[in-house]
């Protein structure tokens, strides 16, 4: 006959000994210390994701920061792009100031020209920004960005305002050169803040225009050709070089439809104190930027096909 297995001994009703009590207290203290350390808690519980209205600004700021990180590795672009506005001020501005061929209402022509060159240099930085989008498409970066939860509008806005920050840096260079040449500009902090906003909005619009064209033509060569074709008409069809009143009637119509004219008007009024229509200027620049972001966001997916 097989032996019946022995039953387990009953649990002792006696209180735990000193060793068991010490081990229990040590385990409890360890658990409390672990729960009190936030770095270990984050390993177990992920942080809450941003949702709703906080998502787009956070992703926009992240994309803008990523774009600006590129300047840390290569600042050559900032140095080389400072040459052209310097030449405009030193050669074109100084020469026409002496000739007095363009009536500017008693303002020295160099003073009249400086805000226009700030707007021009900002536009030249932004108008070829679509080439970077096409390069990211060709290298596979754009496809990876589009599959992330980042909204397309946030992606476009981040890149647009990164171009704006680069343009602000360029504007500082132009302001310094103009000051060294004797241009009488204001140093009022509020007016300078308005200059920064105008440069940001104008650059954001032109970079969105470039990204929109990139979404249509899809290749860098075509975008380069179109960018070169529209840059000079935008510049010469604005009030950057001469007052609107000197233009023929048809060119005045073009100038009033050109966002660059409103940017120049705002910069001129803020920097040198000429008569400007600041509420209208900023309203047009804001509307143009919003429309540019909308168009570029709608065509961004076409690049990744």
Protein backbone atom coordinates (compact mmCIF):
# COMPACT_ATOMS: atom_id res chain seq x y z
CA UNK A 1 0.00 0.00 0.00
CA UNK A 2 1.37 3.42 -0.96
CA UNK A 3 2.10 5.92 1.75
CA UNK A 4 -0.24 8.85 2.14
CA UNK A 5 1.56 12.16 1.49
CA UNK A 6 2.09 14.18 4.60
CA UNK A 7 -0.05 17.27 5.03
CA UNK A 8 1.76 20.61 5.19
CA UNK A 9 2.32 21.87 8.68
CA UNK A 10 -0.24 24.44 9.86
CA UNK A 11 0.74 28.08 9.84
CA UNK A 12 2.11 29.21 13.09
CA UNK A 13 -0.01 31.67 14.97
CA UNK A 14 3.02 33.06 16.75
CA UNK A 15 4.21 36.55 15.73
CA UNK A 16 7.18 36.71 13.34
CA UNK A 17 10.59 36.73 14.84
CA UNK A 18 12.95 39.69 14.85
CA UNK A 19 14.63 38.62 11.57
CA UNK A 20 11.33 38.40 9.66
CA UNK A 21 10.14 41.74 11.01
CA UNK A 22 13.42 43.38 9.97
CA UNK A 23 13.18 41.96 6.43
CA UNK A 24 9.57 43.17 6.10
CA UNK A 25 10.50 46.66 7.26
CA UNK A 26 13.43 46.78 4.84
CA UNK A 27 11.23 45.75 1.90
CA UNK A 28 8.62 48.37 2.81
CA UNK A 29 11.26 51.09 3.06
CA UNK A 30 12.72 50.06 -0.31
CA UNK A 31 9.29 50.21 -1.97
CA UNK A 32 8.63 53.63 -0.47
CA UNK A 33 12.00 54.95 -1.69
CA UNK A 34 11.37 53.57 -5.20
CA UNK A 35 7.95 55.20 -5.37
CA UNK A 36 9.42 58.49 -4.17
CA UNK A 37 12.03 58.59 -6.96
CA UNK A 38 10.39 60.14 -10.08
CA UNK A 39 13.08 58.92 -12.47
CA UNK A 40 12.28 55.27 -11.75
CA UNK A 41 8.56 55.96 -11.83
CA UNK A 42 8.83 57.30 -15.38
CA UNK A 43 10.27 53.95 -16.46
CA UNK A 44 7.06 52.27 -15.38
CA UNK A 45 4.49 54.98 -16.22
CA UNK A 46 5.04 57.00 -19.43
CA UNK A 47 4.32 60.74 -19.34
CA UNK A 48 0.95 61.88 -20.58
CA UNK A 49 0.95 62.83 -24.25
CA UNK A 50 0.05 66.38 -25.21
CA UNK A 51 -3.42 66.52 -26.70
CA UNK A 52 -5.78 69.12 -28.05
CA UNK A 53 -4.61 72.70 -28.37
CA UNK A 54 -1.19 71.93 -26.80
CA UNK A 55 -0.16 69.47 -29.51
CA UNK A 56 0.32 71.82 -32.48
CA UNK A 57 2.38 74.50 -30.66
CA UNK A 58 4.60 71.84 -29.07
CA UNK A 59 5.25 70.08 -32.38
CA UNK A 60 5.75 73.41 -34.18
CA UNK A 61 8.37 74.47 -31.65
CA UNK A 62 10.07 71.07 -31.94
CA UNK A 63 10.28 71.30 -35.74
CA UNK A 64 11.56 74.87 -35.57
CA UNK A 65 14.24 73.83 -33.07
CA UNK A 66 15.32 70.93 -35.29
CA UNK A 67 15.71 73.27 -38.26
CA UNK A 68 17.73 75.80 -36.26
CA UNK A 69 20.05 73.08 -34.94
CA UNK A 70 21.50 72.92 -38.45
CA UNK A 71 23.02 76.38 -37.95
CA UNK A 72 25.20 75.00 -35.17
CA UNK A 73 26.95 72.71 -37.64
CA UNK A 74 27.20 75.09 -40.61
CA UNK A 75 27.04 78.88 -40.25
CA UNK A 76 28.41 79.50 -43.74
CA UNK A 77 24.97 80.38 -45.09
CA UNK A 78 24.62 83.31 -42.70
CA UNK A 79 28.01 84.72 -43.66
CA UNK A 80 27.61 84.35 -47.42
CA UNK A 81 24.08 85.76 -47.47
CA UNK A 82 25.28 88.89 -45.68
CA UNK A 83 27.40 89.84 -48.71
CA UNK A 84 24.52 90.72 -51.04
CA UNK A 85 22.66 93.17 -48.75
CA UNK A 86 25.98 94.77 -47.85
CA UNK A 87 26.66 95.39 -51.55
CA UNK A 88 23.20 96.85 -52.08
CA UNK A 89 23.75 99.34 -49.26
CA UNK A 90 27.38 100.14 -50.00
CA UNK A 91 27.15 100.47 -53.80
CA UNK A 92 23.54 101.04 -54.84
CA UNK A 93 22.52 102.98 -51.75
CA UNK A 94 25.56 105.23 -51.52
CA UNK A 95 25.52 105.98 -55.28
CA UNK A 96 21.83 106.91 -55.49
CA UNK A 97 22.10 108.94 -52.30
CA UNK A 98 24.69 111.14 -54.04
CA UNK A 99 22.73 111.28 -57.34
CA UNK A 100 19.46 112.23 -55.62
CA UNK A 101 17.67 110.77 -58.63
CA UNK A 102 14.82 109.19 -56.67
CA UNK A 103 12.62 111.58 -54.66
CA UNK A 104 11.97 110.14 -51.20
CA UNK A 105 10.28 113.05 -49.47
CA UNK A 106 13.33 114.59 -47.86
CA UNK A 107 14.64 111.30 -46.47
CA UNK A 108 18.18 110.31 -47.51
CA UNK A 109 17.92 107.53 -50.05
CA UNK A 110 20.17 105.23 -48.01
CA UNK A 111 17.75 105.54 -45.09
CA UNK A 112 14.83 104.86 -47.44
CA UNK A 113 16.60 101.84 -48.93
CA UNK A 114 17.74 100.07 -45.73
CA UNK A 115 14.32 98.65 -44.70
CA UNK A 116 13.78 97.43 -48.26
CA UNK A 117 17.10 95.58 -48.21
CA UNK A 118 16.14 93.95 -44.89
CA UNK A 119 12.94 92.66 -46.52
CA UNK A 120 14.82 91.61 -49.64
CA UNK A 121 17.44 89.61 -47.74
CA UNK A 122 14.70 87.91 -45.71
CA UNK A 123 12.82 86.97 -48.88
CA UNK A 124 15.96 85.60 -50.55
CA UNK A 125 16.54 83.30 -47.56
CA UNK A 126 12.96 82.01 -47.56
CA UNK A 127 12.11 81.76 -51.26
CA UNK A 128 14.34 78.72 -51.84
CA UNK A 129 13.30 76.90 -48.65
CA UNK A 130 11.33 74.41 -50.71
CA UNK A 131 14.60 72.96 -52.00
CA UNK A 132 15.24 71.65 -48.49
CA UNK A 133 11.83 69.96 -48.47
CA UNK A 134 12.61 68.21 -51.77
CA UNK A 135 16.01 67.14 -50.43
CA UNK A 136 14.31 65.68 -47.34
CA UNK A 137 11.90 63.84 -49.65
CA UNK A 138 14.76 62.37 -51.68
CA UNK A 139 16.66 61.29 -48.54
CA UNK A 140 13.58 59.71 -46.94
CA UNK A 141 13.37 62.14 -44.02
CA UNK A 142 10.07 63.65 -45.13
CA UNK A 143 8.35 60.27 -45.31
CA UNK A 144 9.42 59.50 -41.75
CA UNK A 145 8.13 62.87 -40.56
CA UNK A 146 4.76 62.38 -42.22
CA UNK A 147 4.12 59.05 -40.47
CA UNK A 148 4.64 60.61 -37.04
CA UNK A 149 1.68 62.08 -35.11
CA UNK A 150 2.94 65.57 -35.97
CA UNK A 151 0.23 67.46 -37.88
CA UNK A 152 1.30 68.64 -41.31
CA UNK A 153 0.41 72.21 -40.41
CA UNK A 154 2.78 72.04 -37.43
CA UNK A 155 5.55 70.64 -39.61
CA UNK A 156 5.15 73.41 -42.20
CA UNK A 157 4.78 76.13 -39.56
CA UNK A 158 7.93 74.98 -37.75
CA UNK A 159 9.96 75.10 -40.93
CA UNK A 160 8.46 78.44 -41.94
CA UNK A 161 9.29 80.17 -38.68
CA UNK A 162 12.75 78.60 -38.65
CA UNK A 163 13.29 80.46 -41.92
CA UNK A 164 11.95 83.53 -40.12
CA UNK A 165 14.52 83.20 -37.33
CA UNK A 166 17.30 82.94 -39.91
CA UNK A 167 15.92 86.06 -41.58
CA UNK A 168 15.92 87.91 -38.24
CA UNK A 169 19.61 87.08 -37.82
CA UNK A 170 20.19 88.38 -41.35
CA UNK A 171 18.20 91.52 -40.52
CA UNK A 172 20.47 92.20 -37.53
CA UNK A 173 23.48 92.11 -39.87
CA UNK A 174 21.81 94.57 -42.25
CA UNK A 175 20.83 96.89 -39.39
CA UNK A 176 24.42 96.91 -38.12
CA UNK A 177 25.77 97.72 -41.59
CA UNK A 178 23.18 100.46 -42.06
CA UNK A 179 24.03 101.96 -38.66
CA UNK A 180 27.72 102.01 -39.57
CA UNK A 181 26.83 103.84 -42.80
CA UNK A 182 25.01 106.52 -40.81
CA UNK A 183 21.38 105.51 -41.36
CA UNK A 184 19.18 107.17 -38.72
CA UNK A 185 17.12 104.36 -37.20
CA UNK A 186 15.12 104.04 -34.04
CA UNK A 187 16.32 101.94 -31.12
CA UNK A 188 12.96 101.86 -29.35
CA UNK A 189 12.56 98.28 -28.01
CA UNK A 190 8.86 98.12 -28.91
CA UNK A 191 9.53 99.24 -32.46
CA UNK A 192 12.38 96.76 -32.80
CA UNK A 193 10.04 94.03 -31.57
CA UNK A 194 7.64 95.04 -34.32
CA UNK A 195 10.52 94.77 -36.82
CA UNK A 196 11.18 91.21 -35.63
CA UNK A 197 7.50 90.29 -36.03
CA UNK A 198 7.35 91.78 -39.53
CA UNK A 199 10.48 89.90 -40.61
CA UNK A 200 9.17 86.64 -39.12
CA UNK A 201 5.79 86.92 -40.85
CA UNK A 202 7.23 87.93 -44.21
CA UNK A 203 9.81 85.14 -44.19
CA UNK A 204 7.23 82.60 -43.07
CA UNK A 205 5.00 83.52 -46.01
CA UNK A 206 7.75 83.31 -48.62
CA UNK A 207 9.04 80.01 -47.25
CA UNK A 208 5.48 78.61 -47.40
CA UNK A 209 5.21 79.92 -50.96
CA UNK A 210 8.42 78.04 -51.78
CA UNK A 211 7.14 74.84 -50.14
CA UNK A 212 3.86 75.19 -52.04
CA UNK A 213 5.73 75.47 -55.34
CA UNK A 214 7.84 72.46 -54.31
CA UNK A 215 4.64 70.47 -53.79
CA UNK A 216 3.58 71.35 -57.35
CA UNK A 217 6.80 70.95 -59.35
CA UNK A 218 8.33 68.12 -57.21
CA UNK A 219 11.91 68.60 -58.45
CA UNK A 220 14.76 70.83 -57.30
CA UNK A 221 15.68 72.01 -60.81
CA UNK A 222 12.17 73.23 -61.57
CA UNK A 223 11.89 74.89 -58.18
CA UNK A 224 15.23 76.65 -58.65
CA UNK A 225 14.11 77.97 -62.03
CA UNK A 226 10.75 79.21 -60.75
CA UNK A 227 12.36 80.72 -57.65
CA UNK A 228 14.81 82.69 -59.76
CA UNK A 229 12.00 83.75 -62.09
CA UNK A 230 9.76 85.20 -59.38
CA UNK A 231 12.36 86.64 -56.97
CA UNK A 232 13.29 89.72 -58.98
CA UNK A 233 9.70 90.57 -60.04
CA UNK A 234 8.65 90.37 -56.40
CA UNK A 235 11.53 92.63 -55.39
CA UNK A 236 11.29 95.21 -58.17
CA UNK A 237 7.49 95.09 -58.06
CA UNK A 238 7.49 96.30 -54.47
CA UNK A 239 8.25 99.61 -52.79
CA UNK A 240 11.69 98.43 -51.63
CA UNK A 241 13.69 100.59 -54.07
CA UNK A 242 11.37 103.49 -54.88
CA UNK A 243 8.07 104.97 -53.69
CA UNK A 244 4.86 103.54 -55.09
CA UNK A 245 3.84 106.96 -56.44
CA UNK A 246 6.69 106.86 -58.99
CA UNK A 247 5.48 103.59 -60.52
CA UNK A 248 3.24 103.33 -63.59
CA UNK A 249 -0.38 102.49 -62.88
CA UNK A 250 -0.16 98.79 -63.69
CA UNK A 251 2.92 98.37 -61.49
CA UNK A 252 1.17 100.13 -58.60
CA UNK A 253 -1.55 97.46 -58.82
CA UNK A 254 1.11 94.74 -58.70
CA UNK A 255 2.81 96.43 -55.75
CA UNK A 256 -0.44 96.58 -53.75
CA UNK A 257 -0.96 92.84 -54.32
CA UNK A 258 2.64 92.04 -53.33
CA UNK A 259 3.09 91.01 -49.66
CA UNK A 260 6.69 92.26 -49.79
CA UNK A 261 5.37 95.83 -50.16
CA UNK A 262 3.48 95.56 -46.89
CA UNK A 263 6.53 94.15 -45.13
CA UNK A 264 8.71 97.00 -46.44
CA UNK A 265 6.08 99.57 -45.45
CA UNK A 266 5.97 98.19 -41.90
CA UNK A 267 9.77 98.06 -41.60
CA UNK A 268 10.14 101.57 -42.95
CA UNK A 269 7.58 102.98 -40.54
CA UNK A 270 9.06 101.16 -37.55
CA UNK A 271 12.75 101.79 -38.26
CA UNK A 272 12.95 105.28 -39.73
CA UNK A 273 9.58 106.71 -38.74
CA UNK A 274 8.01 107.32 -42.15
CA UNK A 275 4.25 107.33 -42.57
CA UNK A 276 3.07 103.71 -42.60
CA UNK A 277 -0.15 101.71 -42.36
CA UNK A 278 0.93 99.31 -39.63
CA UNK A 279 -2.46 97.70 -38.82
CA UNK A 280 -3.04 96.99 -42.52
CA UNK A 281 0.56 95.82 -43.03
CA UNK A 282 0.48 93.30 -40.18
CA UNK A 283 -3.03 92.14 -41.11
CA UNK A 284 -1.96 91.41 -44.70
CA UNK A 285 1.24 89.66 -43.58
CA UNK A 286 -0.66 87.52 -41.06
CA UNK A 287 -3.35 86.57 -43.59
CA UNK A 288 -0.72 85.77 -46.23
CA UNK A 289 1.17 83.57 -43.75
CA UNK A 290 -1.95 81.66 -42.74
CA UNK A 291 -2.90 81.09 -46.39
CA UNK A 292 0.67 80.02 -47.17
CA UNK A 293 0.73 77.49 -44.32
CA UNK A 294 -2.63 76.10 -45.45
CA UNK A 295 -1.52 75.69 -49.07
CA UNK A 296 1.86 74.17 -48.19
CA UNK A 297 0.26 71.74 -45.72
CA UNK A 298 -2.24 70.59 -48.33
CA UNK A 299 0.50 69.87 -50.88
CA UNK A 300 3.03 68.38 -48.50
CA UNK A 301 1.70 64.83 -48.85
CA UNK A 302 2.11 65.05 -52.64
CA UNK A 303 5.86 65.25 -52.19
CA UNK A 304 5.97 61.94 -50.35
CA UNK A 305 4.09 59.91 -52.96
